[in-house]
């Protein structure tokens, strides 16, 4: 699961829903693995989907494409900062729990 294992953090219902959505998306990605798609290919598709969805979300509230385009660099900066922090947190978690995650992945045949 993608949750922070720090026992000092209370998992609110909103956080639980966040992690459940993320886990559902990871499960969908894992279901795409097979003879025609390895983890690198599925990961690339997942990144593309995240970028495509984020562009759509970022466009909400704009009336004109020109106004939206003017905000492009700020939008990119926001999403890159968020992704960098999430990736860093998950790399740290994965490194700290490496043996456990490797055993789970071997048992499940998943890429998570």
C-alpha atoms as a PDB file:
ATOM      1  CA  UNK A   1       0.000   0.000   0.000  1.00  0.00           C
ATOM      2  CA  UNK A   2       1.159   3.555  -0.637  1.00  0.00           C
ATOM      3  CA  UNK A   3       0.579   4.758   2.889  1.00  0.00           C
ATOM      4  CA  UNK A   4       3.245   6.305   5.096  1.00  0.00           C
ATOM      5  CA  UNK A   5       4.173   3.783   7.781  1.00  0.00           C
ATOM      6  CA  UNK A   6       4.886   6.520  10.342  1.00  0.00           C
ATOM      7  CA  UNK A   7       2.727   5.605  13.348  1.00  0.00           C
ATOM      8  CA  UNK A   8       2.604   9.259  14.477  1.00  0.00           C
ATOM      9  CA  UNK A   9       0.403  10.206  11.523  1.00  0.00           C
ATOM     10  CA  UNK A  10      -3.334   9.778  11.931  1.00  0.00           C
ATOM     11  CA  UNK A  11      -4.932   8.436   8.769  1.00  0.00           C
ATOM     12  CA  UNK A  12      -8.058  10.537   8.245  1.00  0.00           C
ATOM     13  CA  UNK A  13     -11.005   9.303   6.164  1.00  0.00           C
ATOM     14  CA  UNK A  14      -9.882  11.679   3.393  1.00  0.00           C
ATOM     15  CA  UNK A  15      -6.368  10.216   3.441  1.00  0.00           C
ATOM     16  CA  UNK A  16      -7.767   6.678   3.462  1.00  0.00           C
ATOM     17  CA  UNK A  17      -9.906   7.505   0.402  1.00  0.00           C
ATOM     18  CA  UNK A  18      -6.805   9.011  -1.285  1.00  0.00           C
ATOM     19  CA  UNK A  19      -4.796   5.820  -0.704  1.00  0.00           C
ATOM     20  CA  UNK A  20      -7.691   3.605  -1.817  1.00  0.00           C
ATOM     21  CA  UNK A  21      -7.948   5.518  -5.118  1.00  0.00           C
ATOM     22  CA  UNK A  22      -4.186   5.260  -5.618  1.00  0.00           C
ATOM     23  CA  UNK A  23      -4.224   1.531  -4.838  1.00  0.00           C
ATOM     24  CA  UNK A  24      -7.077   0.995  -7.328  1.00  0.00           C
ATOM     25  CA  UNK A  25      -5.056   2.746 -10.048  1.00  0.00           C
ATOM     26  CA  UNK A  26      -1.956   0.687  -9.169  1.00  0.00           C
ATOM     27  CA  UNK A  27      -4.045  -2.506  -9.352  1.00  0.00           C
ATOM     28  CA  UNK A  28      -5.309  -1.471 -12.784  1.00  0.00           C
ATOM     29  CA  UNK A  29      -1.722  -0.842 -13.917  1.00  0.00           C
ATOM     30  CA  UNK A  30      -0.621  -4.221 -12.546  1.00  0.00           C
ATOM     31  CA  UNK A  31      -3.441  -5.889 -14.475  1.00  0.00           C
ATOM     32  CA  UNK A  32      -1.946  -4.495 -17.685  1.00  0.00           C
ATOM     33  CA  UNK A  33       1.277  -6.474 -17.174  1.00  0.00           C
ATOM     34  CA  UNK A  34       1.723  -9.488 -19.384  1.00  0.00           C
ATOM     35  CA  UNK A  35       3.431 -10.889 -22.469  1.00  0.00           C
ATOM     36  CA  UNK A  36       2.622  -7.767 -24.475  1.00  0.00           C
ATOM     37  CA  UNK A  37       3.495  -5.172 -21.814  1.00  0.00           C
ATOM     38  CA  UNK A  38       6.323  -5.134 -19.265  1.00  0.00           C
ATOM     39  CA  UNK A  39       6.516  -2.855 -16.227  1.00  0.00           C
ATOM     40  CA  UNK A  40       8.440  -0.131 -18.097  1.00  0.00           C
ATOM     41  CA  UNK A  41       5.773   0.061 -20.786  1.00  0.00           C
ATOM     42  CA  UNK A  42       2.928   0.068 -18.278  1.00  0.00           C
ATOM     43  CA  UNK A  43       4.755   2.695 -16.217  1.00  0.00           C
ATOM     44  CA  UNK A  44       5.148   4.917 -19.283  1.00  0.00           C
ATOM     45  CA  UNK A  45       1.434   4.600 -20.014  1.00  0.00           C
ATOM     46  CA  UNK A  46       0.633   5.417 -16.390  1.00  0.00           C
ATOM     47  CA  UNK A  47       2.818   8.532 -16.514  1.00  0.00           C
ATOM     48  CA  UNK A  48       1.162   9.622 -19.745  1.00  0.00           C
ATOM     49  CA  UNK A  49      -2.284   9.050 -18.233  1.00  0.00           C
ATOM     50  CA  UNK A  50      -1.332  11.080 -15.146  1.00  0.00           C
ATOM     51  CA  UNK A  51      -0.064  13.930 -17.327  1.00  0.00           C
ATOM     52  CA  UNK A  52      -3.153  13.836 -19.527  1.00  0.00           C
ATOM     53  CA  UNK A  53      -5.511  13.761 -16.543  1.00  0.00           C
ATOM     54  CA  UNK A  54      -3.577  16.530 -14.776  1.00  0.00           C
ATOM     55  CA  UNK A  55      -3.811  18.760 -17.850  1.00  0.00           C
ATOM     56  CA  UNK A  56      -7.560  18.229 -17.876  1.00  0.00           C
ATOM     57  CA  UNK A  57      -7.888  18.975 -14.156  1.00  0.00           C
ATOM     58  CA  UNK A  58      -5.688  22.064 -14.466  1.00  0.00           C
ATOM     59  CA  UNK A  59      -7.916  23.426 -17.222  1.00  0.00           C
ATOM     60  CA  UNK A  60     -10.999  23.494 -14.997  1.00  0.00           C
ATOM     61  CA  UNK A  61     -12.116  27.048 -14.308  1.00  0.00           C
ATOM     62  CA  UNK A  62     -10.504  28.611 -17.351  1.00  0.00           C
ATOM     63  CA  UNK A  63     -12.779  30.162 -19.960  1.00  0.00           C
ATOM     64  CA  UNK A  64     -10.236  30.739 -22.736  1.00  0.00           C
ATOM     65  CA  UNK A  65      -7.349  28.619 -23.942  1.00  0.00           C
ATOM     66  CA  UNK A  66      -5.124  31.685 -24.097  1.00  0.00           C
ATOM     67  CA  UNK A  67      -5.601  32.320 -20.372  1.00  0.00           C
ATOM     68  CA  UNK A  68      -4.888  28.659 -19.659  1.00  0.00           C
ATOM     69  CA  UNK A  69      -1.742  28.761 -21.807  1.00  0.00           C
ATOM     70  CA  UNK A  70      -0.446  31.776 -19.858  1.00  0.00           C
ATOM     71  CA  UNK A  71      -0.471  29.646 -16.692  1.00  0.00           C
ATOM     72  CA  UNK A  72       1.343  26.690 -18.267  1.00  0.00           C
ATOM     73  CA  UNK A  73       4.688  27.148 -16.494  1.00  0.00           C
ATOM     74  CA  UNK A  74       3.051  27.640 -13.082  1.00  0.00           C
ATOM     75  CA  UNK A  75       0.925  24.540 -13.623  1.00  0.00           C
ATOM     76  CA  UNK A  76       3.976  22.502 -14.634  1.00  0.00           C
ATOM     77  CA  UNK A  77       5.915  23.756 -11.613  1.00  0.00           C
ATOM     78  CA  UNK A  78       3.050  22.784  -9.295  1.00  0.00           C
ATOM     79  CA  UNK A  79       2.697  19.249 -10.662  1.00  0.00           C
ATOM     80  CA  UNK A  80       6.441  18.609 -10.884  1.00  0.00           C
ATOM     81  CA  UNK A  81       6.886  19.705  -7.259  1.00  0.00           C
ATOM     82  CA  UNK A  82       4.060  17.408  -6.146  1.00  0.00           C
ATOM     83  CA  UNK A  83       5.387  14.463  -8.168  1.00  0.00           C
ATOM     84  CA  UNK A  84       8.958  14.990  -6.936  1.00  0.00           C
ATOM     85  CA  UNK A  85       7.832  14.889  -3.294  1.00  0.00           C
ATOM     86  CA  UNK A  86       5.606  11.839  -3.801  1.00  0.00           C
ATOM     87  CA  UNK A  87       8.328   9.999  -5.722  1.00  0.00           C
ATOM     88  CA  UNK A  88      10.920  10.840  -3.058  1.00  0.00           C
ATOM     89  CA  UNK A  89       8.635   9.648  -0.252  1.00  0.00           C
ATOM     90  CA  UNK A  90       7.856   6.401  -2.068  1.00  0.00           C
ATOM     91  CA  UNK A  91      11.511   5.720  -2.942  1.00  0.00           C
ATOM     92  CA  UNK A  92      12.424   6.191   0.728  1.00  0.00           C
ATOM     93  CA  UNK A  93       9.580   3.885   1.796  1.00  0.00           C
ATOM     94  CA  UNK A  94      10.545   1.279  -0.797  1.00  0.00           C
ATOM     95  CA  UNK A  95      14.215   1.362   0.273  1.00  0.00           C
ATOM     96  CA  UNK A  96      13.281   1.029   3.956  1.00  0.00           C
ATOM     97  CA  UNK A  97      10.937  -1.884   3.224  1.00  0.00           C
ATOM     98  CA  UNK A  98      12.809  -3.352   0.266  1.00  0.00           C
ATOM     99  CA  UNK A  99      12.948  -6.987   1.375  1.00  0.00           C
ATOM    100  CA  UNK A 100       9.256  -7.001   2.318  1.00  0.00           C
ATOM    101  CA  UNK A 101       8.176  -5.388  -0.973  1.00  0.00           C
ATOM    102  CA  UNK A 102      10.396  -7.662  -3.070  1.00  0.00           C
ATOM    103  CA  UNK A 103       8.844 -10.730  -1.394  1.00  0.00           C
ATOM    104  CA  UNK A 104       5.322  -9.354  -1.922  1.00  0.00           C
ATOM    105  CA  UNK A 105       6.050  -8.604  -5.577  1.00  0.00           C
ATOM    106  CA  UNK A 106       7.453 -12.096  -6.174  1.00  0.00           C
ATOM    107  CA  UNK A 107       4.446 -13.683  -4.504  1.00  0.00           C
ATOM    108  CA  UNK A 108       1.909 -11.530  -6.347  1.00  0.00           C
ATOM    109  CA  UNK A 109       3.720 -11.141  -9.654  1.00  0.00           C
ATOM    110  CA  UNK A 110       3.083  -7.379  -9.439  1.00  0.00           C
ATOM    111  CA  UNK A 111       5.174  -4.317 -10.213  1.00  0.00           C
ATOM    112  CA  UNK A 112       4.111  -2.164  -7.235  1.00  0.00           C
END
